[in-house]
Amino acid sequence: MLKRILTALILVPILAVCIWFNNAPLPLFAVLLTAACELALKEFYDIAVSIGHKPFRRIGHVAIVFLIFALYISRLAISSSVLYISPVAVSFVLVGVIAAVVLCNMLRHRDYREGADSAAWTMFGIIYLGLLPSFYVNIGAAEDGKFLLIFAFVNVFAIDIFSYFVGVSLGRHHFAPNLSPKKSVEGLFGGFAGLVASALLLNHFLHIGFAVWQVILYCVTLFPVAVFGDLIESYFKRSANLKDSSNLLPGHGGMLDRIDSLIMSGLVTFIWSMVLAL
């Protein structure tokens, strides 16, 4: 527990500084996001290799940097009225370019089964740990983006924290014993209650602009996505008989363990930020 708290005390201020000072020409948040995704992708590919797959590692790691920073630059161009295109369209164009590179590399393999398998695992890693987290770049580029980023991250952290402590103190009924033995139904209820409390408070004090009913709907959509992200990562770890994705972060496991709930949650907050912009 002490290691977990000490690690959090180091990571949270770094995240806060990068969010607050995420302005061109110093894209600190984009740099931090890229670093976290690269570390998580390494752990993901390590898991893939441990169960007999051979992803194209170099292409995957280069693709993450290309995807996040190309999206960041395109968002600057959009906000400066230099580029007129939806940020979502930019994301899918970038993924299309990356997919073409991956498929070309696949065609070089004489072993068709291995080549197709490697391409599939490579692209899944890029989409899972590149495209989905890149929506945080879109959130940060919005008007008052730093407050939306704080809103997005703190709410997911609230789910994790309340789920953990309520589960430890009151947990009796297992939620997904085969995937995550420590997860309990009681912990999930605690996580949802913590999320609602966090979202309502942050919406008020950060002046996000949601009506109360919109905050509740936001929580109803965010919560299952965050839990689902946690379970997906647990599934991959169980397939390789691993407890943690690595021992990078004392008390937390690996980077993939730390960001599993965040990976798909950015998409939810991005969609709701678009609702605010209507």
C-alpha atoms as a PDB file:
ATOM      1  CA  MET A   1       0.000   0.000   0.000  1.00  0.00           C
ATOM      2  CA  LEU A   2       2.825   2.421   0.920  1.00  0.00           C
ATOM      3  CA  LYS A   3       4.576   1.809  -2.415  1.00  0.00           C
ATOM      4  CA  ARG A   4       1.278   2.373  -4.221  1.00  0.00           C
ATOM      5  CA  ILE A   5       0.733   5.714  -2.483  1.00  0.00           C
ATOM      6  CA  LEU A   6       4.335   6.902  -2.976  1.00  0.00           C
ATOM      7  CA  THR A   7       4.225   6.069  -6.692  1.00  0.00           C
ATOM      8  CA  ALA A   8       0.937   7.963  -7.043  1.00  0.00           C
ATOM      9  CA  LEU A   9       2.428  10.973  -5.226  1.00  0.00           C
ATOM     10  CA  ILE A  10       5.147  11.097  -7.884  1.00  0.00           C
ATOM     11  CA  LEU A  11       2.999  10.428 -10.961  1.00  0.00           C
ATOM     12  CA  VAL A  12      -0.005  12.665 -10.187  1.00  0.00           C
ATOM     13  CA  PRO A  13       1.989  15.954  -9.940  1.00  0.00           C
ATOM     14  CA  ILE A  14       3.795  15.099 -13.201  1.00  0.00           C
ATOM     15  CA  LEU A  15       0.448  14.531 -14.916  1.00  0.00           C
ATOM     16  CA  ALA A  16      -0.975  17.748 -13.430  1.00  0.00           C
ATOM     17  CA  VAL A  17       1.964  19.867 -14.641  1.00  0.00           C
ATOM     18  CA  CYS A  18       1.837  18.361 -18.139  1.00  0.00           C
ATOM     19  CA  ILE A  19      -1.905  19.016 -18.410  1.00  0.00           C
ATOM     20  CA  TRP A  20      -1.697  22.571 -17.103  1.00  0.00           C
ATOM     21  CA  PHE A  21       1.176  23.590 -19.376  1.00  0.00           C
ATOM     22  CA  ASN A  22       0.046  21.696 -22.471  1.00  0.00           C
ATOM     23  CA  ASN A  23       0.343  24.617 -24.860  1.00  0.00           C
ATOM     24  CA  ALA A  24       2.303  24.968 -28.098  1.00  0.00           C
ATOM     25  CA  PRO A  25       5.241  25.158 -28.534  1.00  0.00           C
ATOM     26  CA  LEU A  26       5.550  23.006 -25.392  1.00  0.00           C
ATOM     27  CA  PRO A  27       3.183  20.024 -25.796  1.00  0.00           C
ATOM     28  CA  LEU A  28       4.033  18.445 -22.446  1.00  0.00           C
ATOM     29  CA  PHE A  29       0.844  16.412 -22.234  1.00  0.00           C
ATOM     30  CA  ALA A  30       1.331  14.962 -25.726  1.00  0.00           C
ATOM     31  CA  VAL A  31       4.885  13.970 -24.743  1.00  0.00           C
ATOM     32  CA  LEU A  32       3.688  12.348 -21.503  1.00  0.00           C
ATOM     33  CA  LEU A  33       0.839  10.553 -23.282  1.00  0.00           C
ATOM     34  CA  THR A  34       3.236   9.233 -25.924  1.00  0.00           C
ATOM     35  CA  ALA A  35       5.684   7.995 -23.278  1.00  0.00           C
ATOM     36  CA  ALA A  36       2.930   6.218 -21.335  1.00  0.00           C
ATOM     37  CA  CYS A  37       1.505   4.618 -24.493  1.00  0.00           C
ATOM     38  CA  GLU A  38       4.955   3.491 -25.643  1.00  0.00           C
ATOM     39  CA  LEU A  39       5.661   1.814 -22.307  1.00  0.00           C
ATOM     40  CA  ALA A  40       2.226   0.190 -22.276  1.00  0.00           C
ATOM     41  CA  LEU A  41       2.673  -0.990 -25.879  1.00  0.00           C
ATOM     42  CA  LYS A  42       6.010  -2.605 -24.977  1.00  0.00           C
ATOM     43  CA  GLU A  43       4.286  -4.501 -22.161  1.00  0.00           C
ATOM     44  CA  PHE A  44       1.419  -5.486 -24.461  1.00  0.00           C
ATOM     45  CA  TYR A  45       3.799  -6.795 -27.119  1.00  0.00           C
ATOM     46  CA  ASP A  46       5.772  -8.625 -24.406  1.00  0.00           C
ATOM     47  CA  ILE A  47       2.552 -10.401 -23.435  1.00  0.00           C
ATOM     48  CA  ALA A  48       1.879 -11.223 -27.082  1.00  0.00           C
ATOM     49  CA  VAL A  49       5.375 -12.682 -27.509  1.00  0.00           C
ATOM     50  CA  SER A  50       5.037 -14.732 -24.308  1.00  0.00           C
ATOM     51  CA  ILE A  51       1.995 -16.530 -25.748  1.00  0.00           C
ATOM     52  CA  GLY A  52       3.611 -17.236 -29.108  1.00  0.00           C
ATOM     53  CA  HIS A  53       2.921 -14.201 -31.307  1.00  0.00           C
ATOM     54  CA  LYS A  54       5.395 -11.979 -33.156  1.00  0.00           C
ATOM     55  CA  PRO A  55       4.095  -8.418 -33.572  1.00  0.00           C
ATOM     56  CA  PHE A  56       6.042  -5.950 -35.686  1.00  0.00           C
ATOM     57  CA  ARG A  57       7.417  -4.090 -32.664  1.00  0.00           C
ATOM     58  CA  ARG A  58       9.319  -1.324 -34.432  1.00  0.00           C
ATOM     59  CA  ILE A  59       6.397  -0.404 -36.652  1.00  0.00           C
ATOM     60  CA  GLY A  60       4.089  -0.382 -33.606  1.00  0.00           C
ATOM     61  CA  HIS A  61       6.307   1.920 -31.560  1.00  0.00           C
ATOM     62  CA  VAL A  62       6.964   4.342 -34.437  1.00  0.00           C
ATOM     63  CA  ALA A  63       3.239   4.361 -35.237  1.00  0.00           C
ATOM     64  CA  ILE A  64       2.337   5.486 -31.707  1.00  0.00           C
ATOM     65  CA  VAL A  65       4.610   8.543 -31.947  1.00  0.00           C
ATOM     66  CA  PHE A  66       3.396   9.332 -35.474  1.00  0.00           C
ATOM     67  CA  LEU A  67      -0.268   8.972 -34.534  1.00  0.00           C
ATOM     68  CA  ILE A  68      -0.242  11.129 -31.406  1.00  0.00           C
ATOM     69  CA  PHE A  69       1.982  13.934 -32.707  1.00  0.00           C
ATOM     70  CA  ALA A  70       0.421  14.050 -36.176  1.00  0.00           C
ATOM     71  CA  LEU A  71      -2.943  14.369 -34.456  1.00  0.00           C
ATOM     72  CA  TYR A  72      -1.563  17.074 -32.126  1.00  0.00           C
ATOM     73  CA  ILE A  73      -0.189  19.076 -35.074  1.00  0.00           C
ATOM     74  CA  SER A  74      -3.420  18.654 -37.034  1.00  0.00           C
ATOM     75  CA  ARG A  75      -5.401  19.929 -34.033  1.00  0.00           C
ATOM     76  CA  LEU A  76      -3.220  23.041 -33.971  1.00  0.00           C
ATOM     77  CA  ALA A  77      -3.905  23.521 -37.680  1.00  0.00           C
ATOM     78  CA  ILE A  78      -7.657  23.048 -37.155  1.00  0.00           C
ATOM     79  CA  SER A  79      -7.771  25.524 -34.259  1.00  0.00           C
ATOM     80  CA  SER A  80      -5.799  28.042 -36.374  1.00  0.00           C
ATOM     81  CA  SER A  81      -8.245  27.585 -39.279  1.00  0.00           C
ATOM     82  CA  VAL A  82      -5.429  26.286 -41.482  1.00  0.00           C
ATOM     83  CA  LEU A  83      -7.029  22.858 -41.800  1.00  0.00           C
ATOM     84  CA  TYR A  84     -10.755  22.280 -42.180  1.00  0.00           C
ATOM     85  CA  ILE A  85     -11.462  18.657 -41.302  1.00  0.00           C
ATOM     86  CA  SER A  86     -12.979  16.752 -38.399  1.00  0.00           C
ATOM     87  CA  PRO A  87     -10.384  15.599 -35.819  1.00  0.00           C
ATOM     88  CA  VAL A  88     -12.028  12.172 -35.879  1.00  0.00           C
ATOM     89  CA  ALA A  89     -11.469  12.014 -39.640  1.00  0.00           C
ATOM     90  CA  VAL A  90      -7.807  12.923 -39.087  1.00  0.00           C
ATOM     91  CA  SER A  91      -7.459  10.035 -36.622  1.00  0.00           C
ATOM     92  CA  PHE A  92      -8.891   7.498 -39.048  1.00  0.00           C
ATOM     93  CA  VAL A  93      -6.785   8.785 -41.950  1.00  0.00           C
ATOM     94  CA  LEU A  94      -3.664   8.369 -39.807  1.00  0.00           C
ATOM     95  CA  VAL A  95      -4.688   4.843 -38.792  1.00  0.00           C
ATOM     96  CA  GLY A  96      -5.310   4.039 -42.456  1.00  0.00           C
ATOM     97  CA  VAL A  97      -1.774   5.123 -43.363  1.00  0.00           C
ATOM     98  CA  ILE A  98      -0.342   3.041 -40.514  1.00  0.00           C
ATOM     99  CA  ALA A  99      -2.439   0.016 -41.516  1.00  0.00           C
ATOM    100  CA  ALA A 100      -1.070   0.262 -45.072  1.00  0.00           C
ATOM    101  CA  VAL A 101       2.497   0.164 -43.723  1.00  0.00           C
ATOM    102  CA  VAL A 102       1.703  -2.827 -41.503  1.00  0.00           C
ATOM    103  CA  LEU A 103       0.068  -4.725 -44.376  1.00  0.00           C
ATOM    104  CA  CYS A 104       2.986  -4.016 -46.699  1.00  0.00           C
ATOM    105  CA  ASN A 105       5.306  -5.443 -44.070  1.00  0.00           C
ATOM    106  CA  MET A 106       3.014  -8.480 -43.764  1.00  0.00           C
ATOM    107  CA  LEU A 107       3.352  -9.160 -47.512  1.00  0.00           C
ATOM    108  CA  ARG A 108       7.103  -9.565 -47.067  1.00  0.00           C
ATOM    109  CA  HIS A 109       6.569 -12.733 -44.972  1.00  0.00           C
ATOM    110  CA  ARG A 110       6.795 -16.082 -46.709  1.00  0.00           C
ATOM    111  CA  ASP A 111       5.009 -17.733 -43.805  1.00  0.00           C
ATOM    112  CA  TYR A 112       1.467 -16.516 -44.515  1.00  0.00           C
ATOM    113  CA  ARG A 113       0.018 -17.617 -41.207  1.00  0.00           C
ATOM    114  CA  GLU A 114       2.755 -15.919 -39.183  1.00  0.00           C
ATOM    115  CA  GLY A 115       2.631 -12.755 -41.286  1.00  0.00           C
ATOM    116  CA  ALA A 116      -1.138 -12.368 -40.891  1.00  0.00           C
ATOM    117  CA  ASP A 117      -0.923 -13.099 -37.168  1.00  0.00           C
ATOM    118  CA  SER A 118       1.873 -10.563 -36.685  1.00  0.00           C
ATOM    119  CA  ALA A 119      -0.016  -7.887 -38.618  1.00  0.00           C
ATOM    120  CA  ALA A 120      -3.175  -8.480 -36.565  1.00  0.00           C
ATOM    121  CA  TRP A 121      -1.391  -8.194 -33.209  1.00  0.00           C
ATOM    122  CA  THR A 122       0.559  -5.151 -34.390  1.00  0.00           C
ATOM    123  CA  MET A 123      -2.563  -3.290 -35.509  1.00  0.00           C
ATOM    124  CA  PHE A 124      -4.513  -4.242 -32.406  1.00  0.00           C
ATOM    125  CA  GLY A 125      -1.738  -2.796 -30.247  1.00  0.00           C
ATOM    126  CA  ILE A 126      -1.670   0.419 -32.299  1.00  0.00           C
ATOM    127  CA  ILE A 127      -5.448   0.885 -32.109  1.00  0.00           C
ATOM    128  CA  TYR A 128      -5.682  -0.203 -28.467  1.00  0.00           C
ATOM    129  CA  LEU A 129      -2.750   1.861 -27.193  1.00  0.00           C
ATOM    130  CA  GLY A 130      -2.484   4.532 -29.877  1.00  0.00           C
ATOM    131  CA  LEU A 131      -5.789   5.454 -31.472  1.00  0.00           C
ATOM    132  CA  LEU A 132      -7.968   5.132 -28.364  1.00  0.00           C
ATOM    133  CA  PRO A 133      -5.680   7.097 -25.993  1.00  0.00           C
ATOM    134  CA  SER A 134      -5.119   9.726 -28.718  1.00  0.00           C
ATOM    135  CA  PHE A 135      -8.615  11.069 -28.039  1.00  0.00           C
ATOM    136  CA  TYR A 136      -7.105  12.738 -24.975  1.00  0.00           C
ATOM    137  CA  VAL A 137      -5.178  14.935 -27.425  1.00  0.00           C
ATOM    138  CA  ASN A 138      -8.508  16.006 -28.942  1.00  0.00           C
ATOM    139  CA  ILE A 139      -9.884  16.736 -25.468  1.00  0.00           C
ATOM    140  CA  GLY A 140      -6.863  18.858 -24.567  1.00  0.00           C
ATOM    141  CA  ALA A 141      -7.129  20.843 -27.803  1.00  0.00           C
ATOM    142  CA  ALA A 142     -10.681  21.957 -27.050  1.00  0.00           C
ATOM    143  CA  GLU A 143     -11.506  25.305 -25.489  1.00  0.00           C
ATOM    144  CA  ASP A 144     -10.718  24.993 -21.758  1.00  0.00           C
ATOM    145  CA  GLY A 145      -9.160  21.658 -22.673  1.00  0.00           C
ATOM    146  CA  LYS A 146      -6.999  21.526 -19.568  1.00  0.00           C
ATOM    147  CA  PHE A 147     -10.096  21.491 -17.371  1.00  0.00           C
ATOM    148  CA  LEU A 148     -11.702  18.778 -19.488  1.00  0.00           C
ATOM    149  CA  LEU A 149      -8.524  16.691 -19.174  1.00  0.00           C
ATOM    150  CA  ILE A 150      -8.550  17.098 -15.397  1.00  0.00           C
ATOM    151  CA  PHE A 151     -12.240  16.161 -15.440  1.00  0.00           C
ATOM    152  CA  ALA A 152     -11.515  13.061 -17.554  1.00  0.00           C
ATOM    153  CA  PHE A 153      -8.560  11.763 -15.530  1.00  0.00           C
ATOM    154  CA  VAL A 154      -9.820  12.485 -12.025  1.00  0.00           C
ATOM    155  CA  ASN A 155     -13.148  10.794 -12.720  1.00  0.00           C
ATOM    156  CA  VAL A 156     -11.446   7.578 -13.844  1.00  0.00           C
ATOM    157  CA  PHE A 157      -9.105   7.761 -10.857  1.00  0.00           C
ATOM    158  CA  ALA A 158     -12.175   8.116  -8.635  1.00  0.00           C
ATOM    159  CA  ILE A 159     -13.570   4.863 -10.038  1.00  0.00           C
ATOM    160  CA  ASP A 160     -10.314   3.033  -9.306  1.00  0.00           C
ATOM    161  CA  ILE A 161      -9.844   4.496  -5.817  1.00  0.00           C
ATOM    162  CA  PHE A 162     -13.402   4.011  -4.569  1.00  0.00           C
ATOM    163  CA  SER A 163     -13.683   0.559  -6.144  1.00  0.00           C
ATOM    164  CA  TYR A 164     -10.469  -0.484  -4.415  1.00  0.00           C
ATOM    165  CA  PHE A 165     -11.223   0.785  -0.925  1.00  0.00           C
ATOM    166  CA  VAL A 166     -14.893  -0.210  -0.888  1.00  0.00           C
ATOM    167  CA  GLY A 167     -13.955  -3.603  -2.310  1.00  0.00           C
ATOM    168  CA  VAL A 168     -11.265  -4.177   0.315  1.00  0.00           C
ATOM    169  CA  SER A 169     -13.495  -3.150   3.219  1.00  0.00           C
ATOM    170  CA  LEU A 170     -16.925  -4.431   2.117  1.00  0.00           C
ATOM    171  CA  GLY A 171     -16.318  -6.793  -0.806  1.00  0.00           C
ATOM    172  CA  ARG A 172     -18.106 -10.143  -0.440  1.00  0.00           C
ATOM    173  CA  HIS A 173     -19.363 -11.068  -3.909  1.00  0.00           C
ATOM    174  CA  HIS A 174     -16.865 -11.591  -6.737  1.00  0.00           C
ATOM    175  CA  PHE A 175     -17.585  -9.786  -9.981  1.00  0.00           C
ATOM    176  CA  ALA A 176     -15.224 -11.531 -12.427  1.00  0.00           C
ATOM    177  CA  PRO A 177     -13.311 -14.164 -10.414  1.00  0.00           C
ATOM    178  CA  ASN A 178     -11.592 -15.732 -13.429  1.00  0.00           C
ATOM    179  CA  LEU A 179     -10.274 -12.447 -14.799  1.00  0.00           C
ATOM    180  CA  SER A 180      -9.867 -10.245 -11.738  1.00  0.00           C
ATOM    181  CA  PRO A 181     -10.255 -12.197  -8.463  1.00  0.00           C
ATOM    182  CA  LYS A 182     -10.067  -9.080  -6.259  1.00  0.00           C
ATOM    183  CA  LYS A 183     -12.906  -7.274  -8.024  1.00  0.00           C
ATOM    184  CA  SER A 184     -16.195  -7.351  -6.143  1.00  0.00           C
ATOM    185  CA  VAL A 185     -19.756  -6.240  -6.840  1.00  0.00           C
ATOM    186  CA  GLU A 186     -19.612  -4.043  -3.752  1.00  0.00           C
ATOM    187  CA  GLY A 187     -16.442  -2.434  -5.063  1.00  0.00           C
ATOM    188  CA  LEU A 188     -18.160  -1.646  -8.356  1.00  0.00           C
ATOM    189  CA  PHE A 189     -21.022   0.077  -6.562  1.00  0.00           C
ATOM    190  CA  GLY A 190     -18.487   2.050  -4.548  1.00  0.00           C
ATOM    191  CA  GLY A 191     -16.632   2.988  -7.745  1.00  0.00           C
ATOM    192  CA  PHE A 192     -19.796   4.249  -9.396  1.00  0.00           C
ATOM    193  CA  ALA A 193     -20.769   6.272  -6.322  1.00  0.00           C
ATOM    194  CA  GLY A 194     -17.272   7.780  -6.227  1.00  0.00           C
ATOM    195  CA  LEU A 195     -17.490   8.610  -9.925  1.00  0.00           C
ATOM    196  CA  VAL A 196     -20.818  10.412  -9.552  1.00  0.00           C
ATOM    197  CA  ALA A 197     -19.558  12.411  -6.567  1.00  0.00           C
ATOM    198  CA  SER A 198     -16.326  13.298  -8.372  1.00  0.00           C
ATOM    199  CA  ALA A 199     -18.054  14.281 -11.614  1.00  0.00           C
ATOM    200  CA  LEU A 200     -20.622  16.486  -9.883  1.00  0.00           C
ATOM    201  CA  LEU A 201     -17.962  18.279  -7.820  1.00  0.00           C
ATOM    202  CA  LEU A 202     -15.566  18.778 -10.733  1.00  0.00           C
ATOM    203  CA  ASN A 203     -18.357  19.926 -13.031  1.00  0.00           C
ATOM    204  CA  HIS A 204     -19.261  22.603 -10.487  1.00  0.00           C
ATOM    205  CA  PHE A 205     -15.802  23.806  -9.447  1.00  0.00           C
ATOM    206  CA  LEU A 206     -14.131  23.583 -12.876  1.00  0.00           C
ATOM    207  CA  HIS A 207     -17.177  25.110 -14.620  1.00  0.00           C
ATOM    208  CA  ILE A 208     -17.314  22.301 -17.180  1.00  0.00           C
ATOM    209  CA  GLY A 209     -20.825  23.275 -18.224  1.00  0.00           C
ATOM    210  CA  PHE A 210     -22.845  20.062 -17.904  1.00  0.00           C
ATOM    211  CA  ALA A 211     -26.345  20.082 -16.462  1.00  0.00           C
ATOM    212  CA  VAL A 212     -26.802  17.680 -13.536  1.00  0.00           C
ATOM    213  CA  TRP A 213     -28.693  15.180 -15.703  1.00  0.00           C
ATOM    214  CA  GLN A 214     -25.875  15.295 -18.256  1.00  0.00           C
ATOM    215  CA  VAL A 215     -23.326  14.532 -15.527  1.00  0.00           C
ATOM    216  CA  ILE A 216     -25.348  11.480 -14.498  1.00  0.00           C
ATOM    217  CA  LEU A 217     -25.588  10.279 -18.105  1.00  0.00           C
ATOM    218  CA  TYR A 218     -21.850  10.883 -18.516  1.00  0.00           C
ATOM    219  CA  CYS A 219     -21.187   8.695 -15.472  1.00  0.00           C
ATOM    220  CA  VAL A 220     -23.521   5.983 -16.756  1.00  0.00           C
ATOM    221  CA  THR A 221     -21.584   5.864 -20.045  1.00  0.00           C
ATOM    222  CA  LEU A 222     -18.079   6.281 -18.605  1.00  0.00           C
ATOM    223  CA  PHE A 223     -18.311   3.706 -15.810  1.00  0.00           C
ATOM    224  CA  PRO A 224     -18.880   0.525 -17.874  1.00  0.00           C
ATOM    225  CA  VAL A 225     -16.224   1.611 -20.405  1.00  0.00           C
ATOM    226  CA  ALA A 226     -13.626   2.095 -17.638  1.00  0.00           C
ATOM    227  CA  VAL A 227     -14.479  -1.269 -16.052  1.00  0.00           C
ATOM    228  CA  PHE A 228     -14.430  -2.941 -19.467  1.00  0.00           C
ATOM    229  CA  GLY A 229     -10.956  -1.514 -20.111  1.00  0.00           C
ATOM    230  CA  ASP A 230      -9.743  -3.011 -16.837  1.00  0.00           C
ATOM    231  CA  LEU A 231     -11.202  -6.423 -17.698  1.00  0.00           C
ATOM    232  CA  ILE A 232      -9.695  -6.451 -21.200  1.00  0.00           C
ATOM    233  CA  GLU A 233      -6.216  -5.890 -19.802  1.00  0.00           C
ATOM    234  CA  SER A 234      -6.825  -8.581 -17.166  1.00  0.00           C
ATOM    235  CA  TYR A 235      -7.823 -10.991 -19.945  1.00  0.00           C
ATOM    236  CA  PHE A 236      -4.516 -10.482 -21.754  1.00  0.00           C
ATOM    237  CA  LYS A 237      -2.556 -10.950 -18.527  1.00  0.00           C
ATOM    238  CA  ARG A 238      -4.415 -14.141 -17.665  1.00  0.00           C
ATOM    239  CA  SER A 239      -3.703 -15.505 -21.157  1.00  0.00           C
ATOM    240  CA  ALA A 240      -0.005 -15.242 -20.294  1.00  0.00           C
ATOM    241  CA  ASN A 241      -0.435 -16.297 -16.631  1.00  0.00           C
ATOM    242  CA  LEU A 242       0.761 -12.896 -15.402  1.00  0.00           C
ATOM    243  CA  LYS A 243      -0.339 -10.978 -12.329  1.00  0.00           C
ATOM    244  CA  ASP A 244       1.031  -7.642 -13.586  1.00  0.00           C
ATOM    245  CA  SER A 245       2.043  -6.448 -17.044  1.00  0.00           C
ATOM    246  CA  SER A 246       5.491  -5.554 -15.594  1.00  0.00           C
ATOM    247  CA  ASN A 247       7.057  -4.246 -12.370  1.00  0.00           C
ATOM    248  CA  LEU A 248       7.729  -0.757 -13.747  1.00  0.00           C
ATOM    249  CA  LEU A 249       5.607   1.117 -11.183  1.00  0.00           C
ATOM    250  CA  PRO A 250       6.063  -0.040  -7.562  1.00  0.00           C
ATOM    251  CA  GLY A 251       2.705  -0.929  -6.024  1.00  0.00           C
ATOM    252  CA  HIS A 252       0.871  -0.562  -9.332  1.00  0.00           C
ATOM    253  CA  GLY A 253       2.511  -3.126 -11.605  1.00  0.00           C
ATOM    254  CA  GLY A 254       3.197  -1.971 -15.151  1.00  0.00           C
ATOM    255  CA  MET A 255       2.155   1.049 -17.170  1.00  0.00           C
ATOM    256  CA  LEU A 256      -0.556  -1.027 -18.844  1.00  0.00           C
ATOM    257  CA  ASP A 257      -1.914  -1.891 -15.382  1.00  0.00           C
ATOM    258  CA  ARG A 258      -2.005   1.789 -14.503  1.00  0.00           C
ATOM    259  CA  ILE A 259      -3.756   3.084 -17.623  1.00  0.00           C
ATOM    260  CA  ASP A 260      -6.078   0.154 -18.429  1.00  0.00           C
ATOM    261  CA  SER A 261      -9.201   2.005 -17.239  1.00  0.00           C
ATOM    262  CA  LEU A 262      -8.128   5.176 -19.037  1.00  0.00           C
ATOM    263  CA  ILE A 263      -7.500   3.686 -22.482  1.00  0.00           C
ATOM    264  CA  MET A 264     -11.066   3.776 -23.810  1.00  0.00           C
ATOM    265  CA  SER A 265     -12.420   6.350 -21.355  1.00  0.00           C
ATOM    266  CA  GLY A 266     -10.928   9.220 -23.335  1.00  0.00           C
ATOM    267  CA  LEU A 267     -13.298   8.455 -26.207  1.00  0.00           C
ATOM    268  CA  VAL A 268     -16.299   8.810 -23.873  1.00  0.00           C
ATOM    269  CA  THR A 269     -15.159  12.185 -22.544  1.00  0.00           C
ATOM    270  CA  PHE A 270     -14.310  13.354 -26.071  1.00  0.00           C
ATOM    271  CA  ILE A 271     -17.827  12.518 -27.267  1.00  0.00           C
ATOM    272  CA  TRP A 272     -19.327  14.401 -24.331  1.00  0.00           C
ATOM    273  CA  SER A 273     -17.012  17.370 -24.999  1.00  0.00           C
ATOM    274  CA  MET A 274     -18.487  17.450 -28.507  1.00  0.00           C
ATOM    275  CA  VAL A 275     -21.941  17.519 -26.952  1.00  0.00           C
ATOM    276  CA  LEU A 276     -20.885  20.556 -24.913  1.00  0.00           C
ATOM    277  CA  ALA A 277     -19.682  22.279 -28.085  1.00  0.00           C
ATOM    278  CA  LEU A 278     -23.091  21.930 -29.797  1.00  0.00           C
END
